[in-house]
Amino acid sequence: MRRVIRKLLGNTASLVGIVLLIFFIVIAILAPVIAPPLSDDPYQVPRMSWNVNPQPPGTPMSDNMREIYKQMGKEVKLTKALLGTEQGGYDIFYGLVWGTRTAFKVGIITVGSAMIIGLFVGSIAAYFGGWLDEVLMRITDIFLSFPFLVAAMVLTTILGKGLDKVIIALIVFGWMGYARVIRGSILAVKEDVYVMAAKALGVKDGRIILRHLLPNTIFPVLVQASMDTGSMVVTASALSFLGVGAPEGYADWGQMASFARNWIVGSPGHAFQYWYTVFFPALFIALFVLAWNLIGDTLRDVLDPRLRGEL
């Protein structure tokens, strides 16, 4: 443990990733304090005005909107759009804060579920081999033949609009990589002495897989999961940007970037006048992905015994 801690703290890249991840975790935990909700659904981004055009940072909430929220019995604490507003008056700051929770929800649920499915399929195929391995891997190949983003977009469209539908689509087309990675790792060690000894002692197959094979072969999957957490958030944001993800007004970084699509260039004679509409959502997405990628590199260095010089 001391060696792992020294490796984590002694690596500049890992420190940057850890600091960034802690930054997002703090924002997600303190979201109700940083940006108090103004509706029954905290993920509904409040409007600062009914203005169609985006408004620059520091724009105060309109009197009409303040009166509407007061009539709803909501205490308005954020009276200014600290980072400006998107098309339709949606507060960028609020969307970024609560969008952090959305990002963690999408990343963790999607990657966790896909990893469990992939571990089950890949470990069963590798351990038992034969016709079962052939069938499971051909099914995996069929799923891999579909372009990931296109397949997720089509399935989301079929299921209907909503973040839960996006998560389902990403899980359905996101487990195959884990299955292939764990299959290859188990095939490399399943004939080792400790596995043969467990079989000779009459240990059940399920126990061998769970207690002996997976603990010794799972580190490449963990590294891939860390990398994929950021990638899944990017994919979910892309689906929202294309209009098949989160519903309008939902606290999602991709949804916020979608609001900026008509304002990225700016108005005639005022290039990038509305830069804030796309800059802040894109910045949060990039930093979130960077954090998970840096942590994934560190996990690879820490968990892979070959890189530690133990093999």
Protein backbone atom coordinates (compact mmCIF):
# COMPACT_ATOMS: atom_id res chain seq x y z
CA MET A 1 0.00 0.00 0.00
CA ARG A 2 2.84 2.38 0.79
CA ARG A 3 4.39 1.66 -2.58
CA VAL A 4 1.09 2.33 -4.34
CA ILE A 5 0.61 5.60 -2.46
CA ARG A 6 4.16 6.69 -3.27
CA LYS A 7 3.57 5.89 -6.93
CA LEU A 8 0.33 7.85 -7.00
CA LEU A 9 1.77 10.88 -5.24
CA GLY A 10 5.11 10.76 -7.03
CA ASN A 11 3.61 10.83 -10.52
CA THR A 12 2.73 14.29 -11.79
CA ALA A 13 0.16 13.00 -14.27
CA SER A 14 -1.60 10.92 -11.63
CA LEU A 15 -1.68 13.88 -9.24
CA VAL A 16 -3.31 16.04 -11.90
CA GLY A 17 -5.91 13.33 -12.58
CA ILE A 18 -6.65 12.82 -8.88
CA VAL A 19 -6.97 16.56 -8.24
CA LEU A 20 -9.32 16.98 -11.21
CA LEU A 21 -11.43 14.01 -10.13
CA ILE A 22 -11.64 15.31 -6.54
CA PHE A 23 -12.67 18.68 -7.97
CA PHE A 24 -15.59 17.12 -9.83
CA ILE A 25 -16.54 14.90 -6.87
CA VAL A 26 -16.72 17.94 -4.58
CA ILE A 27 -18.88 19.80 -7.09
CA ALA A 28 -21.21 16.80 -7.45
CA ILE A 29 -21.57 16.36 -3.67
CA LEU A 30 -22.07 20.07 -2.94
CA ALA A 31 -24.31 20.75 -5.95
CA PRO A 32 -27.37 21.63 -3.81
CA VAL A 33 -25.26 24.15 -1.91
CA ILE A 34 -23.38 25.61 -4.86
CA ALA A 35 -26.46 25.88 -7.10
CA PRO A 36 -29.70 25.54 -5.08
CA PRO A 37 -32.53 24.03 -7.16
CA LEU A 38 -35.42 26.25 -8.21
CA SER A 39 -37.82 23.45 -9.14
CA ASP A 40 -38.95 20.08 -7.84
CA ASP A 41 -36.54 18.41 -10.26
CA PRO A 42 -33.03 19.58 -9.34
CA TYR A 43 -31.73 18.51 -12.76
CA GLN A 44 -33.99 21.02 -14.50
CA VAL A 45 -31.82 24.01 -15.36
CA PRO A 46 -33.52 27.27 -14.25
CA ARG A 47 -34.14 30.06 -16.70
CA MET A 48 -32.69 33.46 -15.93
CA SER A 49 -34.92 35.09 -18.55
CA TRP A 50 -37.07 34.30 -21.57
CA ASN A 51 -34.52 35.87 -23.89
CA VAL A 52 -33.81 33.70 -26.93
CA ASN A 53 -30.31 35.12 -27.41
CA PRO A 54 -27.57 34.02 -24.99
CA GLN A 55 -26.61 36.56 -22.37
CA PRO A 56 -23.02 37.26 -21.18
CA PRO A 57 -21.63 36.33 -17.74
CA GLY A 58 -22.96 38.43 -14.90
CA THR A 59 -26.38 39.06 -16.45
CA PRO A 60 -28.97 39.41 -13.65
CA MET A 61 -32.12 37.33 -13.53
CA SER A 62 -35.04 39.15 -15.08
CA ASP A 63 -37.73 40.52 -12.79
CA ASN A 64 -40.35 38.35 -14.48
CA MET A 65 -38.44 35.13 -13.77
CA ARG A 66 -37.71 36.17 -10.19
CA GLU A 67 -41.40 36.80 -9.64
CA ILE A 68 -42.33 33.44 -11.18
CA TYR A 69 -39.98 31.55 -8.85
CA LYS A 70 -41.25 33.49 -5.84
CA GLN A 71 -44.81 32.53 -6.71
CA MET A 72 -43.61 28.92 -6.81
CA GLY A 73 -42.31 29.34 -3.27
CA LYS A 74 -38.67 29.07 -4.30
CA GLU A 75 -35.99 31.21 -2.72
CA VAL A 76 -33.83 32.69 -5.46
CA LYS A 77 -30.23 32.77 -4.21
CA LEU A 78 -28.42 32.93 -7.55
CA THR A 79 -29.68 36.27 -8.86
CA LYS A 80 -27.04 36.48 -11.60
CA ALA A 81 -25.94 34.16 -14.38
CA LEU A 82 -22.34 33.89 -13.25
CA LEU A 83 -21.19 32.27 -16.51
CA GLY A 84 -23.92 33.64 -18.75
CA THR A 85 -27.00 31.99 -20.20
CA GLU A 86 -27.63 29.63 -23.07
CA GLN A 87 -30.29 29.96 -25.74
CA GLY A 88 -33.62 30.35 -23.99
CA GLY A 89 -32.15 31.85 -20.83
CA TYR A 90 -30.85 28.62 -19.29
CA ASP A 91 -28.22 29.29 -16.63
CA ILE A 92 -24.82 27.90 -17.69
CA PHE A 93 -23.38 27.81 -14.16
CA TYR A 94 -26.28 25.74 -12.83
CA GLY A 95 -26.08 23.37 -15.78
CA LEU A 96 -22.36 22.81 -15.23
CA VAL A 97 -22.76 22.10 -11.51
CA TRP A 98 -25.66 19.66 -11.76
CA GLY A 99 -24.31 18.32 -15.04
CA THR A 100 -21.39 16.99 -12.99
CA ARG A 101 -23.79 14.64 -11.21
CA THR A 102 -25.20 13.64 -14.59
CA ALA A 103 -21.69 12.86 -15.86
CA PHE A 104 -20.90 10.65 -12.87
CA LYS A 105 -24.26 8.93 -13.19
CA VAL A 106 -23.76 8.16 -16.87
CA GLY A 107 -20.12 7.17 -16.54
CA ILE A 108 -20.32 4.97 -13.45
CA ILE A 109 -23.63 3.23 -14.21
CA THR A 110 -22.79 2.63 -17.87
CA VAL A 111 -19.23 1.43 -17.35
CA GLY A 112 -20.10 -0.59 -14.24
CA SER A 113 -22.97 -2.43 -15.95
CA ALA A 114 -21.08 -2.98 -19.20
CA MET A 115 -18.06 -4.27 -17.29
CA ILE A 116 -20.15 -6.78 -15.32
CA ILE A 117 -21.73 -8.12 -18.53
CA GLY A 118 -18.36 -8.27 -20.27
CA LEU A 119 -16.69 -10.04 -17.35
CA PHE A 120 -19.44 -12.65 -17.26
CA VAL A 121 -19.39 -13.34 -21.00
CA GLY A 122 -15.61 -13.24 -21.39
CA SER A 123 -14.76 -15.35 -18.35
CA ILE A 124 -17.34 -18.04 -19.22
CA ALA A 125 -16.11 -18.18 -22.82
CA ALA A 126 -12.43 -18.41 -21.85
CA TYR A 127 -12.81 -20.90 -19.00
CA PHE A 128 -15.09 -23.43 -20.66
CA GLY A 129 -13.90 -22.92 -24.24
CA GLY A 130 -15.18 -25.16 -27.03
CA TRP A 131 -18.52 -24.47 -28.66
CA LEU A 132 -19.58 -22.13 -25.84
CA ASP A 133 -16.56 -19.92 -26.45
CA GLU A 134 -17.26 -19.94 -30.18
CA VAL A 135 -20.92 -18.95 -29.77
CA LEU A 136 -20.26 -16.19 -27.23
CA MET A 137 -17.41 -14.69 -29.23
CA ARG A 138 -19.41 -14.70 -32.45
CA ILE A 139 -22.21 -12.86 -30.65
CA THR A 140 -19.60 -10.42 -29.41
CA ASP A 141 -18.30 -9.95 -32.95
CA ILE A 142 -21.82 -9.21 -34.18
CA PHE A 143 -22.20 -6.42 -31.63
CA LEU A 144 -18.72 -5.12 -32.46
CA SER A 145 -19.64 -4.88 -36.15
CA PHE A 146 -22.00 -1.96 -35.42
CA PRO A 147 -20.46 1.53 -35.27
CA PHE A 148 -20.74 2.42 -31.60
CA LEU A 149 -22.08 5.97 -31.82
CA VAL A 150 -24.47 5.20 -34.68
CA ALA A 151 -25.80 2.07 -32.97
CA ALA A 152 -26.30 3.91 -29.68
CA MET A 153 -28.07 6.75 -31.47
CA VAL A 154 -30.42 4.38 -33.30
CA LEU A 155 -31.27 2.42 -30.17
CA THR A 156 -31.83 5.62 -28.17
CA THR A 157 -34.17 6.88 -30.89
CA ILE A 158 -36.11 3.61 -30.77
CA LEU A 159 -36.35 3.57 -26.96
CA GLY A 160 -37.29 7.23 -26.73
CA LYS A 161 -35.67 10.42 -25.53
CA GLY A 162 -34.24 10.49 -22.02
CA LEU A 163 -31.03 9.99 -20.10
CA ASP A 164 -32.08 6.53 -18.92
CA LYS A 165 -32.52 5.46 -22.54
CA VAL A 166 -29.04 6.77 -23.35
CA ILE A 167 -27.57 4.71 -20.51
CA ILE A 168 -29.32 1.56 -21.73
CA ALA A 169 -28.05 2.10 -25.28
CA LEU A 170 -24.48 2.65 -24.11
CA ILE A 171 -24.58 -0.51 -21.99
CA VAL A 172 -26.00 -2.63 -24.83
CA PHE A 173 -23.17 -1.62 -27.17
CA GLY A 174 -20.41 -1.11 -24.59
CA TRP A 175 -19.72 -4.51 -22.99
CA MET A 176 -17.87 -6.24 -25.83
CA GLY A 177 -14.45 -4.74 -25.20
CA TYR A 178 -14.44 -5.96 -21.61
CA ALA A 179 -15.46 -9.45 -22.73
CA ARG A 180 -12.58 -9.70 -25.19
CA VAL A 181 -10.00 -8.28 -22.77
CA ILE A 182 -10.92 -10.58 -19.88
CA ARG A 183 -11.15 -13.57 -22.22
CA GLY A 184 -7.61 -12.99 -23.43
CA SER A 185 -6.31 -12.53 -19.89
CA ILE A 186 -7.97 -15.72 -18.61
CA LEU A 187 -6.77 -17.76 -21.58
CA ALA A 188 -3.22 -16.72 -20.69
CA VAL A 189 -3.41 -18.04 -17.10
CA LYS A 190 -6.10 -20.73 -16.96
CA GLU A 191 -3.52 -23.49 -17.39
CA ASP A 192 -1.31 -22.18 -14.58
CA VAL A 193 -0.44 -24.36 -11.59
CA TYR A 194 -2.75 -22.68 -9.10
CA VAL A 195 -5.75 -23.21 -11.39
CA MET A 196 -4.85 -26.84 -12.00
CA ALA A 197 -4.42 -27.36 -8.24
CA ALA A 198 -7.85 -25.87 -7.55
CA LYS A 199 -9.42 -28.18 -10.13
CA ALA A 200 -7.60 -31.21 -8.65
CA LEU A 201 -8.98 -30.35 -5.21
CA GLY A 202 -12.51 -30.37 -6.61
CA VAL A 203 -13.16 -26.63 -6.38
CA LYS A 204 -16.28 -25.68 -8.33
CA ASP A 205 -15.85 -23.87 -11.63
CA GLY A 206 -17.67 -20.76 -10.48
CA ARG A 207 -15.44 -20.45 -7.43
CA ILE A 208 -12.30 -20.89 -9.53
CA ILE A 209 -13.40 -18.08 -11.83
CA LEU A 210 -14.39 -15.72 -9.02
CA ARG A 211 -11.68 -16.46 -6.46
CA HIS A 212 -8.68 -17.38 -8.59
CA LEU A 213 -8.95 -16.26 -12.21
CA LEU A 214 -10.67 -12.86 -12.02
CA PRO A 215 -8.52 -11.43 -9.19
CA ASN A 216 -5.39 -12.28 -11.17
CA THR A 217 -6.60 -11.10 -14.58
CA ILE A 218 -8.90 -8.16 -13.98
CA PHE A 219 -6.37 -5.30 -13.94
CA PRO A 220 -6.51 -4.66 -17.73
CA VAL A 221 -10.31 -4.44 -17.44
CA LEU A 222 -10.04 -1.90 -14.62
CA VAL A 223 -7.70 0.23 -16.69
CA GLN A 224 -10.06 0.07 -19.66
CA ALA A 225 -13.02 0.90 -17.41
CA SER A 226 -11.27 4.01 -16.18
CA MET A 227 -10.57 5.12 -19.73
CA ASP A 228 -14.12 4.31 -20.85
CA THR A 229 -15.75 6.31 -18.06
CA GLY A 230 -14.72 9.54 -19.73
CA SER A 231 -15.47 8.16 -23.20
CA MET A 232 -19.02 7.19 -22.22
CA VAL A 233 -19.65 10.71 -20.96
CA VAL A 234 -18.41 12.09 -24.27
CA THR A 235 -20.69 9.71 -26.19
CA ALA A 236 -23.69 10.61 -24.03
CA SER A 237 -22.91 14.29 -24.57
CA ALA A 238 -22.70 13.70 -28.31
CA LEU A 239 -26.13 12.04 -28.29
CA SER A 240 -27.57 14.99 -26.37
CA PHE A 241 -25.89 17.37 -28.82
CA LEU A 242 -27.53 15.50 -31.69
CA GLY A 243 -30.92 15.82 -30.01
CA VAL A 244 -31.53 12.20 -29.00
CA GLY A 245 -30.14 12.31 -25.46
CA ALA A 246 -31.24 14.29 -22.44
CA PRO A 247 -34.49 16.27 -22.75
CA GLU A 248 -34.41 20.03 -23.22
CA GLY A 249 -33.41 21.92 -20.10
CA TYR A 250 -31.85 18.89 -18.40
CA ALA A 251 -28.55 19.50 -16.60
CA ASP A 252 -26.28 17.76 -19.08
CA TRP A 253 -23.08 19.12 -20.60
CA GLY A 254 -23.97 17.77 -24.03
CA GLN A 255 -27.39 19.39 -23.85
CA MET A 256 -25.74 22.72 -23.01
CA ALA A 257 -23.38 22.39 -25.94
CA SER A 258 -26.42 21.66 -28.11
CA PHE A 259 -27.96 24.99 -27.09
CA ALA A 260 -24.79 26.70 -28.37
CA ARG A 261 -24.82 25.18 -31.86
CA ASN A 262 -26.49 28.23 -33.44
CA TRP A 263 -24.28 30.73 -31.60
CA ILE A 264 -20.76 29.31 -31.89
CA VAL A 265 -19.71 31.52 -34.80
CA GLY A 266 -21.32 34.65 -33.35
CA SER A 267 -23.28 37.39 -35.03
CA PRO A 268 -22.20 39.24 -38.23
CA GLY A 269 -19.30 41.51 -37.37
CA HIS A 270 -18.96 40.01 -33.87
CA ALA A 271 -17.11 36.74 -34.24
CA PHE A 272 -17.31 34.46 -31.21
CA GLN A 273 -19.55 36.93 -29.42
CA TYR A 274 -21.23 34.03 -27.62
CA TRP A 275 -18.03 32.08 -26.87
CA TYR A 276 -19.18 31.31 -23.32
CA THR A 277 -22.08 29.17 -24.55
CA VAL A 278 -19.76 26.44 -25.81
CA PHE A 279 -16.50 27.15 -23.96
CA PHE A 280 -17.58 26.25 -20.42
CA PRO A 281 -19.45 23.01 -21.27
CA ALA A 282 -16.59 21.90 -23.54
CA LEU A 283 -14.04 22.73 -20.82
CA PHE A 284 -15.85 20.62 -18.23
CA ILE A 285 -16.18 17.69 -20.64
CA ALA A 286 -12.48 17.86 -21.56
CA LEU A 287 -11.30 18.08 -17.94
CA PHE A 288 -13.59 15.24 -16.84
CA VAL A 289 -12.28 12.95 -19.60
CA LEU A 290 -8.69 13.99 -18.90
CA ALA A 291 -9.06 13.13 -15.21
CA TRP A 292 -10.24 9.58 -15.93
CA ASN A 293 -7.60 9.02 -18.62
CA LEU A 294 -4.77 10.11 -16.34
CA ILE A 295 -6.09 7.88 -13.56
CA GLY A 296 -6.34 5.00 -16.02
CA ASP A 297 -2.67 5.40 -16.94
CA THR A 298 -1.76 5.39 -13.26
CA LEU A 299 -3.83 2.29 -12.58
CA ARG A 300 -2.04 0.53 -15.42
CA ASP A 301 1.34 1.40 -13.93
CA VAL A 302 0.28 0.36 -10.42
CA LEU A 303 -1.69 -2.79 -11.16
CA ASP A 304 0.36 -4.31 -13.98
CA PRO A 305 3.10 -6.45 -12.36
CA ARG A 306 5.13 -6.41 -15.57
CA LEU A 307 5.47 -2.64 -15.37
CA ARG A 308 6.45 -2.94 -11.70
CA GLY A 309 9.23 -5.34 -12.60
CA GLU A 310 7.70 -8.25 -10.66
CA LEU A 311 7.48 -10.55 -13.70
